[in-house]
């Protein structure tokens, strides 16, 4: 049985999505999601009929937005995360989102074909926050193989 890499990241909005402050972020959602969808190693992403996940609630908090996807490997996810199209938007994240005070991104291995739920993502984020990186929930910097072996990466490798 093979494995795929699930990832979740959440962010707390500074203002409602329909506010003028968030206009550029909302405008970038479709193009950035299209880049992800076409990226090598991309498998799946959480979305509603609107094509994004901005209406999906996480941790019962209307101010948190969630992004969740599945990739073939840590390397393919890293390539997308550090690609110019994604990075150019993420450079502006402090304009739109609160500065995080705890882990807002978690990675974990899932059986090939499994599509994680929001509840599963919440559990993994909680695991990472409470126990740090482990085979159950980890980060791009401190990853684990699907068999549970630790792999430490520099940001240059990511």
N, C-alpha and C. Protein backbone atom coordinates (compact mmCIF):
# COMPACT_ATOMS: atom_id res chain seq x y z
N UNK A 1 0.84 -1.18 0.00
CA UNK A 1 0.00 0.00 0.00
C UNK A 1 0.88 1.24 0.00
N UNK A 2 0.57 2.19 -0.85
CA UNK A 2 1.34 3.42 -0.92
C UNK A 2 0.76 4.51 -0.04
N UNK A 3 1.53 5.58 0.09
CA UNK A 3 1.11 6.71 0.91
C UNK A 3 1.22 8.01 0.12
N UNK A 4 0.41 8.97 0.53
CA UNK A 4 0.45 10.32 -0.01
C UNK A 4 0.56 11.29 1.17
N UNK A 5 1.00 12.49 0.88
CA UNK A 5 1.23 13.49 1.92
C UNK A 5 0.05 14.46 2.00
N UNK A 6 -0.58 14.50 3.17
CA UNK A 6 -1.65 15.48 3.42
C UNK A 6 -1.03 16.70 4.08
N UNK A 7 -1.60 17.86 3.77
CA UNK A 7 -1.16 19.09 4.43
C UNK A 7 -2.38 19.93 4.73
N UNK A 8 -2.31 20.63 5.86
CA UNK A 8 -3.33 21.61 6.21
C UNK A 8 -2.61 22.86 6.66
N UNK A 9 -3.15 23.99 6.27
CA UNK A 9 -2.70 25.25 6.85
C UNK A 9 -3.91 26.12 7.07
N UNK A 10 -3.88 26.83 8.19
CA UNK A 10 -4.98 27.71 8.53
C UNK A 10 -4.41 29.10 8.80
N UNK A 11 -5.26 30.09 8.64
CA UNK A 11 -4.86 31.47 8.90
C UNK A 11 -6.05 32.21 9.49
N UNK A 12 -5.77 33.11 10.41
CA UNK A 12 -6.82 33.94 11.01
C UNK A 12 -6.88 35.27 10.26
N UNK A 13 -8.05 35.53 9.69
CA UNK A 13 -8.27 36.76 8.93
C UNK A 13 -8.20 38.00 9.81
N UNK A 14 -7.71 39.09 9.26
CA UNK A 14 -7.74 40.38 9.95
C UNK A 14 -9.09 41.06 9.78
N UNK A 15 -9.74 40.80 8.65
CA UNK A 15 -11.05 41.38 8.35
C UNK A 15 -11.84 40.33 7.55
N UNK A 16 -13.15 40.56 7.37
CA UNK A 16 -13.94 39.62 6.59
C UNK A 16 -13.43 39.50 5.14
N UNK A 17 -13.66 38.34 4.55
CA UNK A 17 -13.19 38.09 3.18
C UNK A 17 -13.72 39.10 2.17
N UNK A 18 -14.91 39.66 2.40
CA UNK A 18 -15.47 40.62 1.45
C UNK A 18 -15.04 42.06 1.72
N UNK A 19 -14.10 42.26 2.65
CA UNK A 19 -13.63 43.61 2.95
C UNK A 19 -12.63 44.09 1.89
N UNK A 20 -12.48 45.39 1.73
CA UNK A 20 -11.48 45.91 0.79
C UNK A 20 -10.06 45.44 1.10
N UNK A 21 -9.74 45.27 2.38
CA UNK A 21 -8.41 44.81 2.77
C UNK A 21 -8.06 43.46 2.16
N UNK A 22 -9.05 42.58 2.02
CA UNK A 22 -8.81 41.22 1.53
C UNK A 22 -9.02 41.07 0.02
N UNK A 23 -9.33 42.17 -0.67
CA UNK A 23 -9.63 42.10 -2.10
C UNK A 23 -8.53 41.41 -2.91
N UNK A 24 -7.27 41.79 -2.70
CA UNK A 24 -6.17 41.19 -3.46
C UNK A 24 -5.99 39.71 -3.14
N UNK A 25 -6.16 39.35 -1.86
CA UNK A 25 -6.06 37.95 -1.48
C UNK A 25 -7.14 37.13 -2.18
N UNK A 26 -8.37 37.58 -2.11
CA UNK A 26 -9.49 36.85 -2.73
C UNK A 26 -9.28 36.76 -4.23
N UNK A 27 -8.80 37.82 -4.86
CA UNK A 27 -8.54 37.81 -6.30
C UNK A 27 -7.45 36.81 -6.67
N UNK A 28 -6.53 36.55 -5.76
CA UNK A 28 -5.42 35.63 -6.04
C UNK A 28 -5.79 34.17 -5.82
N UNK A 29 -6.89 33.89 -5.14
CA UNK A 29 -7.23 32.51 -4.83
C UNK A 29 -7.32 31.62 -6.07
N UNK A 30 -8.10 32.03 -7.04
CA UNK A 30 -8.29 31.18 -8.23
C UNK A 30 -6.98 30.94 -8.99
N UNK A 31 -6.19 31.98 -9.29
CA UNK A 31 -4.94 31.72 -10.00
C UNK A 31 -3.94 30.87 -9.21
N UNK A 32 -3.83 31.11 -7.91
CA UNK A 32 -2.89 30.33 -7.10
C UNK A 32 -3.36 28.88 -6.99
N UNK A 33 -4.66 28.68 -6.83
CA UNK A 33 -5.20 27.32 -6.80
C UNK A 33 -4.98 26.61 -8.14
N UNK A 34 -5.09 27.34 -9.23
CA UNK A 34 -4.86 26.74 -10.55
C UNK A 34 -3.40 26.29 -10.70
N UNK A 35 -2.48 27.07 -10.17
CA UNK A 35 -1.07 26.67 -10.19
C UNK A 35 -0.88 25.39 -9.39
N UNK A 36 -1.50 25.33 -8.22
CA UNK A 36 -1.40 24.11 -7.39
C UNK A 36 -1.99 22.92 -8.13
N UNK A 37 -3.18 23.10 -8.68
CA UNK A 37 -3.86 21.99 -9.38
C UNK A 37 -3.02 21.43 -10.51
N UNK A 38 -2.21 22.27 -11.15
CA UNK A 38 -1.39 21.84 -12.28
C UNK A 38 0.03 21.43 -11.88
N UNK A 39 0.36 21.60 -10.62
CA UNK A 39 1.73 21.34 -10.16
C UNK A 39 2.05 19.85 -10.17
N UNK A 40 3.28 19.49 -10.52
CA UNK A 40 3.69 18.09 -10.42
C UNK A 40 3.52 17.59 -8.98
N UNK A 41 2.93 16.43 -8.83
CA UNK A 41 2.75 15.84 -7.52
C UNK A 41 1.46 16.20 -6.81
N UNK A 42 0.70 17.16 -7.36
CA UNK A 42 -0.57 17.52 -6.76
C UNK A 42 -1.57 16.38 -6.95
N UNK A 43 -2.33 16.07 -5.90
CA UNK A 43 -3.32 14.99 -5.96
C UNK A 43 -4.74 15.51 -5.76
N UNK A 44 -4.95 16.34 -4.72
CA UNK A 44 -6.30 16.77 -4.34
C UNK A 44 -6.21 17.99 -3.45
N UNK A 45 -7.28 18.82 -3.45
CA UNK A 45 -7.39 19.89 -2.47
C UNK A 45 -8.84 20.04 -2.04
N UNK A 46 -9.00 20.44 -0.80
CA UNK A 46 -10.31 20.71 -0.24
C UNK A 46 -10.92 21.91 -0.94
N UNK A 47 -12.17 21.77 -1.39
CA UNK A 47 -12.85 22.89 -2.01
C UNK A 47 -14.36 22.67 -1.99
N UNK A 48 -15.09 23.76 -2.05
CA UNK A 48 -16.54 23.71 -2.18
C UNK A 48 -16.88 23.91 -3.66
N UNK A 49 -18.15 24.02 -3.95
CA UNK A 49 -18.58 24.27 -5.33
C UNK A 49 -18.00 25.58 -5.88
N UNK A 50 -17.59 26.48 -4.99
CA UNK A 50 -17.01 27.76 -5.40
C UNK A 50 -15.58 27.62 -5.89
N UNK A 51 -14.98 26.44 -5.71
CA UNK A 51 -13.62 26.21 -6.20
C UNK A 51 -12.52 26.51 -5.19
N UNK A 52 -12.91 26.94 -3.98
CA UNK A 52 -11.92 27.14 -2.92
C UNK A 52 -12.53 26.64 -1.62
N UNK A 53 -11.82 26.84 -0.52
CA UNK A 53 -12.31 26.34 0.77
C UNK A 53 -12.59 27.47 1.75
N UNK A 54 -12.80 28.68 1.26
CA UNK A 54 -12.98 29.81 2.17
C UNK A 54 -14.26 29.70 3.00
N UNK A 55 -15.24 28.93 2.55
CA UNK A 55 -16.48 28.76 3.30
C UNK A 55 -16.41 27.62 4.31
N UNK A 56 -15.33 26.86 4.31
CA UNK A 56 -15.18 25.72 5.21
C UNK A 56 -14.66 26.23 6.56
N UNK A 57 -15.32 25.84 7.63
CA UNK A 57 -14.93 26.26 8.97
C UNK A 57 -14.00 25.24 9.61
N UNK A 58 -13.06 25.76 10.39
CA UNK A 58 -12.10 24.93 11.11
C UNK A 58 -12.04 25.43 12.54
N UNK A 59 -11.96 24.52 13.50
CA UNK A 59 -11.94 24.84 14.93
C UNK A 59 -13.12 25.73 15.34
N UNK A 60 -14.25 25.59 14.65
CA UNK A 60 -15.47 26.37 14.97
C UNK A 60 -15.19 27.87 15.08
N UNK A 61 -14.35 28.39 14.21
CA UNK A 61 -13.94 29.79 14.27
C UNK A 61 -14.17 30.44 12.91
N UNK A 62 -15.09 31.37 12.85
CA UNK A 62 -15.43 32.03 11.58
C UNK A 62 -14.31 32.89 11.02
N UNK A 63 -13.29 33.19 11.84
CA UNK A 63 -12.19 34.03 11.38
C UNK A 63 -11.01 33.22 10.86
N UNK A 64 -11.08 31.90 10.98
CA UNK A 64 -10.02 31.04 10.44
C UNK A 64 -10.42 30.54 9.06
N UNK A 65 -9.47 30.58 8.13
CA UNK A 65 -9.71 29.94 6.84
C UNK A 65 -8.73 28.77 6.74
N UNK A 66 -9.12 27.78 5.96
CA UNK A 66 -8.36 26.54 5.88
C UNK A 66 -7.98 26.24 4.43
N UNK A 67 -6.80 25.68 4.28
CA UNK A 67 -6.34 25.15 3.00
C UNK A 67 -5.85 23.74 3.31
N UNK A 68 -6.35 22.76 2.58
CA UNK A 68 -5.93 21.39 2.80
C UNK A 68 -5.75 20.73 1.45
N UNK A 69 -4.66 19.97 1.31
CA UNK A 69 -4.39 19.30 0.04
C UNK A 69 -3.62 18.02 0.28
N UNK A 70 -3.51 17.22 -0.78
CA UNK A 70 -2.76 15.97 -0.75
C UNK A 70 -1.78 16.00 -1.92
N UNK A 71 -0.55 15.54 -1.66
CA UNK A 71 0.54 15.56 -2.62
C UNK A 71 1.22 14.19 -2.66
N UNK A 72 1.99 13.95 -3.69
CA UNK A 72 2.67 12.67 -3.79
C UNK A 72 3.88 12.56 -2.87
N UNK A 73 4.45 13.71 -2.47
CA UNK A 73 5.66 13.67 -1.65
C UNK A 73 5.92 15.02 -1.00
N UNK A 74 6.80 15.01 -0.03
CA UNK A 74 7.25 16.25 0.60
C UNK A 74 7.92 17.14 -0.44
N UNK A 75 8.69 16.53 -1.32
CA UNK A 75 9.43 17.30 -2.33
C UNK A 75 8.49 18.03 -3.29
N UNK A 76 7.40 17.38 -3.71
CA UNK A 76 6.48 18.06 -4.64
C UNK A 76 5.71 19.17 -3.94
N UNK A 77 5.33 18.95 -2.68
CA UNK A 77 4.67 20.02 -1.93
C UNK A 77 5.64 21.19 -1.75
N UNK A 78 6.86 20.90 -1.36
CA UNK A 78 7.86 21.96 -1.17
C UNK A 78 8.09 22.76 -2.44
N UNK A 79 8.16 22.07 -3.57
CA UNK A 79 8.37 22.75 -4.85
C UNK A 79 7.24 23.75 -5.11
N UNK A 80 6.01 23.35 -4.81
CA UNK A 80 4.89 24.27 -5.01
C UNK A 80 4.94 25.43 -4.00
N UNK A 81 5.14 25.12 -2.73
CA UNK A 81 5.14 26.14 -1.67
C UNK A 81 6.18 27.22 -1.97
N UNK A 82 7.34 26.81 -2.46
CA UNK A 82 8.43 27.77 -2.69
C UNK A 82 8.51 28.24 -4.14
N UNK A 83 7.52 27.90 -4.94
CA UNK A 83 7.43 28.40 -6.32
C UNK A 83 7.08 29.88 -6.29
N UNK A 84 7.53 30.62 -7.29
CA UNK A 84 7.32 32.06 -7.34
C UNK A 84 5.85 32.46 -7.26
N UNK A 85 4.95 31.73 -7.93
CA UNK A 85 3.53 32.11 -7.94
C UNK A 85 2.95 32.08 -6.53
N UNK A 86 3.27 31.06 -5.76
CA UNK A 86 2.77 30.95 -4.40
C UNK A 86 3.50 31.92 -3.47
N UNK A 87 4.79 32.00 -3.60
CA UNK A 87 5.57 32.88 -2.72
C UNK A 87 5.21 34.34 -2.88
N UNK A 88 4.90 34.76 -4.10
CA UNK A 88 4.58 36.18 -4.31
C UNK A 88 3.33 36.58 -3.53
N UNK A 89 2.37 35.69 -3.42
CA UNK A 89 1.18 35.98 -2.63
C UNK A 89 1.49 35.87 -1.14
N UNK A 90 2.23 34.85 -0.75
CA UNK A 90 2.52 34.64 0.66
C UNK A 90 3.39 35.74 1.26
N UNK A 91 4.13 36.44 0.45
CA UNK A 91 4.92 37.58 0.94
C UNK A 91 4.02 38.66 1.53
N UNK A 92 2.77 38.68 1.10
CA UNK A 92 1.83 39.70 1.55
C UNK A 92 0.91 39.21 2.69
N UNK A 93 1.15 38.03 3.21
CA UNK A 93 0.22 37.43 4.17
C UNK A 93 -0.02 38.29 5.42
N UNK A 94 0.95 39.06 5.87
CA UNK A 94 0.76 39.88 7.07
C UNK A 94 -0.23 41.03 6.82
N UNK A 95 -0.49 41.34 5.56
CA UNK A 95 -1.51 42.34 5.23
C UNK A 95 -2.92 41.80 5.51
N UNK A 96 -3.08 40.48 5.43
CA UNK A 96 -4.40 39.86 5.45
C UNK A 96 -4.68 39.01 6.68
N UNK A 97 -3.62 38.46 7.29
CA UNK A 97 -3.78 37.49 8.37
C UNK A 97 -3.03 37.90 9.62
N UNK A 98 -3.55 37.46 10.76
CA UNK A 98 -2.85 37.68 12.02
C UNK A 98 -1.54 36.91 12.03
N UNK A 99 -0.58 37.42 12.75
CA UNK A 99 0.69 36.71 12.95
C UNK A 99 0.40 35.50 13.83
N UNK A 100 0.78 34.31 13.40
CA UNK A 100 0.47 33.11 14.21
C UNK A 100 1.28 33.06 15.49
N UNK A 101 0.66 32.51 16.53
CA UNK A 101 1.34 32.32 17.80
C UNK A 101 1.50 30.83 18.11
N UNK A 102 0.98 29.99 17.25
CA UNK A 102 1.11 28.54 17.39
C UNK A 102 1.15 27.93 15.99
N UNK A 103 1.42 26.65 15.91
CA UNK A 103 1.51 25.98 14.61
C UNK A 103 0.19 26.14 13.84
N UNK A 104 0.31 26.55 12.60
CA UNK A 104 -0.85 26.74 11.74
C UNK A 104 -0.80 25.82 10.52
N UNK A 105 0.29 25.05 10.40
CA UNK A 105 0.47 24.13 9.28
C UNK A 105 0.91 22.79 9.82
N UNK A 106 0.32 21.73 9.29
CA UNK A 106 0.73 20.37 9.67
C UNK A 106 0.71 19.48 8.43
N UNK A 107 1.64 18.54 8.42
CA UNK A 107 1.74 17.53 7.36
C UNK A 107 1.61 16.16 8.01
N UNK A 108 1.09 15.20 7.25
CA UNK A 108 1.03 13.81 7.72
C UNK A 108 0.79 12.90 6.52
N UNK A 109 1.17 11.65 6.69
CA UNK A 109 1.01 10.66 5.63
C UNK A 109 -0.36 10.01 5.74
N UNK A 110 -0.99 9.81 4.58
CA UNK A 110 -2.28 9.12 4.51
C UNK A 110 -2.16 7.99 3.49
N UNK A 111 -2.97 6.95 3.65
CA UNK A 111 -2.97 5.90 2.63
C UNK A 111 -3.37 6.50 1.28
N UNK A 112 -2.73 6.05 0.22
CA UNK A 112 -3.05 6.55 -1.12
C UNK A 112 -4.55 6.43 -1.36
N UNK A 113 -5.13 7.51 -1.85
CA UNK A 113 -6.56 7.55 -2.12
C UNK A 113 -7.40 8.13 -0.99
N UNK A 114 -6.84 8.23 0.21
CA UNK A 114 -7.58 8.81 1.35
C UNK A 114 -7.62 10.32 1.20
N UNK A 115 -8.78 10.90 1.46
CA UNK A 115 -8.94 12.35 1.44
C UNK A 115 -9.29 12.79 2.86
N UNK A 116 -8.40 13.52 3.51
CA UNK A 116 -8.61 13.87 4.92
C UNK A 116 -9.79 14.82 5.12
N UNK A 117 -10.40 14.69 6.28
CA UNK A 117 -11.50 15.57 6.67
C UNK A 117 -10.96 16.76 7.46
N UNK A 118 -11.79 17.77 7.63
CA UNK A 118 -11.40 18.91 8.45
C UNK A 118 -11.16 18.47 9.89
N UNK A 119 -11.98 17.56 10.40
CA UNK A 119 -11.78 17.05 11.76
C UNK A 119 -10.43 16.37 11.89
N UNK A 120 -10.03 15.61 10.89
CA UNK A 120 -8.71 14.96 10.90
C UNK A 120 -7.60 16.02 10.90
N UNK A 121 -7.77 17.05 10.11
CA UNK A 121 -6.77 18.13 10.06
C UNK A 121 -6.67 18.84 11.40
N UNK A 122 -7.80 19.09 12.04
CA UNK A 122 -7.78 19.71 13.37
C UNK A 122 -7.01 18.84 14.35
N UNK A 123 -7.23 17.53 14.30
CA UNK A 123 -6.52 16.60 15.19
C UNK A 123 -5.01 16.67 14.95
N UNK A 124 -4.60 16.73 13.68
CA UNK A 124 -3.16 16.77 13.38
C UNK A 124 -2.53 18.08 13.83
N UNK A 125 -3.23 19.19 13.62
CA UNK A 125 -2.70 20.46 14.10
C UNK A 125 -2.58 20.48 15.62
N UNK A 126 -3.58 19.95 16.30
CA UNK A 126 -3.54 19.87 17.76
C UNK A 126 -2.38 18.99 18.21
N UNK A 127 -2.18 17.87 17.54
CA UNK A 127 -1.08 16.96 17.85
C UNK A 127 0.26 17.70 17.72
N UNK A 128 0.44 18.42 16.62
CA UNK A 128 1.69 19.15 16.41
C UNK A 128 1.88 20.24 17.46
N UNK A 129 0.82 20.96 17.78
CA UNK A 129 0.91 22.03 18.77
C UNK A 129 1.28 21.49 20.15
N UNK A 130 0.72 20.36 20.51
CA UNK A 130 0.93 19.82 21.86
C UNK A 130 2.21 19.01 22.01
N UNK A 131 2.67 18.37 20.91
CA UNK A 131 3.79 17.44 21.04
C UNK A 131 4.97 17.73 20.11
N UNK A 132 4.84 18.72 19.24
CA UNK A 132 5.91 19.00 18.29
C UNK A 132 5.92 17.99 17.15
N UNK A 133 6.86 18.14 16.23
CA UNK A 133 6.90 17.25 15.06
C UNK A 133 7.10 15.79 15.46
N UNK A 134 6.30 14.94 14.84
CA UNK A 134 6.36 13.49 15.05
C UNK A 134 5.81 12.83 13.80
N UNK A 135 5.88 11.51 13.70
CA UNK A 135 5.30 10.85 12.53
C UNK A 135 3.79 11.13 12.37
N UNK A 136 3.12 11.54 13.44
CA UNK A 136 1.68 11.81 13.38
C UNK A 136 1.36 13.17 12.77
N UNK A 137 2.26 14.14 12.94
CA UNK A 137 2.06 15.49 12.43
C UNK A 137 3.41 16.19 12.44
N UNK A 138 3.79 16.75 11.31
CA UNK A 138 5.12 17.34 11.19
C UNK A 138 5.09 18.57 10.31
N UNK A 139 6.27 19.14 10.06
CA UNK A 139 6.40 20.37 9.29
C UNK A 139 7.31 20.14 8.08
N UNK A 140 7.41 21.12 7.21
CA UNK A 140 8.33 21.00 6.08
C UNK A 140 9.78 20.96 6.54
N UNK A 141 10.08 21.60 7.64
CA UNK A 141 11.45 21.60 8.13
C UNK A 141 11.79 20.29 8.84
N UNK A 142 10.86 19.74 9.58
CA UNK A 142 11.08 18.50 10.34
C UNK A 142 10.07 17.46 9.86
N UNK A 143 10.44 16.74 8.81
CA UNK A 143 9.53 15.77 8.22
C UNK A 143 9.85 14.36 8.69
N UNK A 144 8.94 13.47 8.35
CA UNK A 144 9.10 12.05 8.63
C UNK A 144 8.70 11.28 7.38
N UNK A 145 9.33 10.15 7.18
CA UNK A 145 8.94 9.29 6.08
C UNK A 145 7.62 8.62 6.44
N UNK A 146 6.98 8.00 5.47
CA UNK A 146 5.73 7.30 5.74
C UNK A 146 5.93 6.15 6.72
N UNK A 147 7.15 5.65 6.82
CA UNK A 147 7.44 4.58 7.79
C UNK A 147 7.85 5.13 9.16
N UNK A 148 7.87 6.46 9.32
CA UNK A 148 8.10 7.07 10.62
C UNK A 148 9.52 7.51 10.91
N UNK A 149 10.40 7.46 9.93
CA UNK A 149 11.78 7.88 10.14
C UNK A 149 11.90 9.40 10.00
N UNK A 150 12.61 10.03 10.93
CA UNK A 150 12.79 11.48 10.91
C UNK A 150 13.71 11.91 9.79
N UNK A 151 13.38 13.03 9.15
CA UNK A 151 14.21 13.63 8.10
C UNK A 151 14.24 15.13 8.39
N UNK A 152 15.40 15.67 8.71
CA UNK A 152 15.52 17.11 8.94
C UNK A 152 16.00 17.76 7.66
N UNK A 153 15.29 18.79 7.26
CA UNK A 153 15.61 19.51 6.02
C UNK A 153 15.95 20.95 6.35
N UNK A 154 16.81 21.52 5.55
CA UNK A 154 17.04 22.96 5.66
C UNK A 154 16.02 23.65 4.76
N UNK A 155 15.76 24.90 4.99
CA UNK A 155 14.82 25.63 4.13
C UNK A 155 15.35 25.71 2.70
N UNK A 156 16.65 25.62 2.53
CA UNK A 156 17.21 25.63 1.18
C UNK A 156 16.73 24.40 0.41
N UNK A 157 16.65 23.26 1.08
CA UNK A 157 16.17 22.04 0.44
C UNK A 157 14.68 22.10 0.13
N UNK A 158 13.94 22.83 0.97
CA UNK A 158 12.49 22.86 0.81
C UNK A 158 12.14 23.66 -0.38
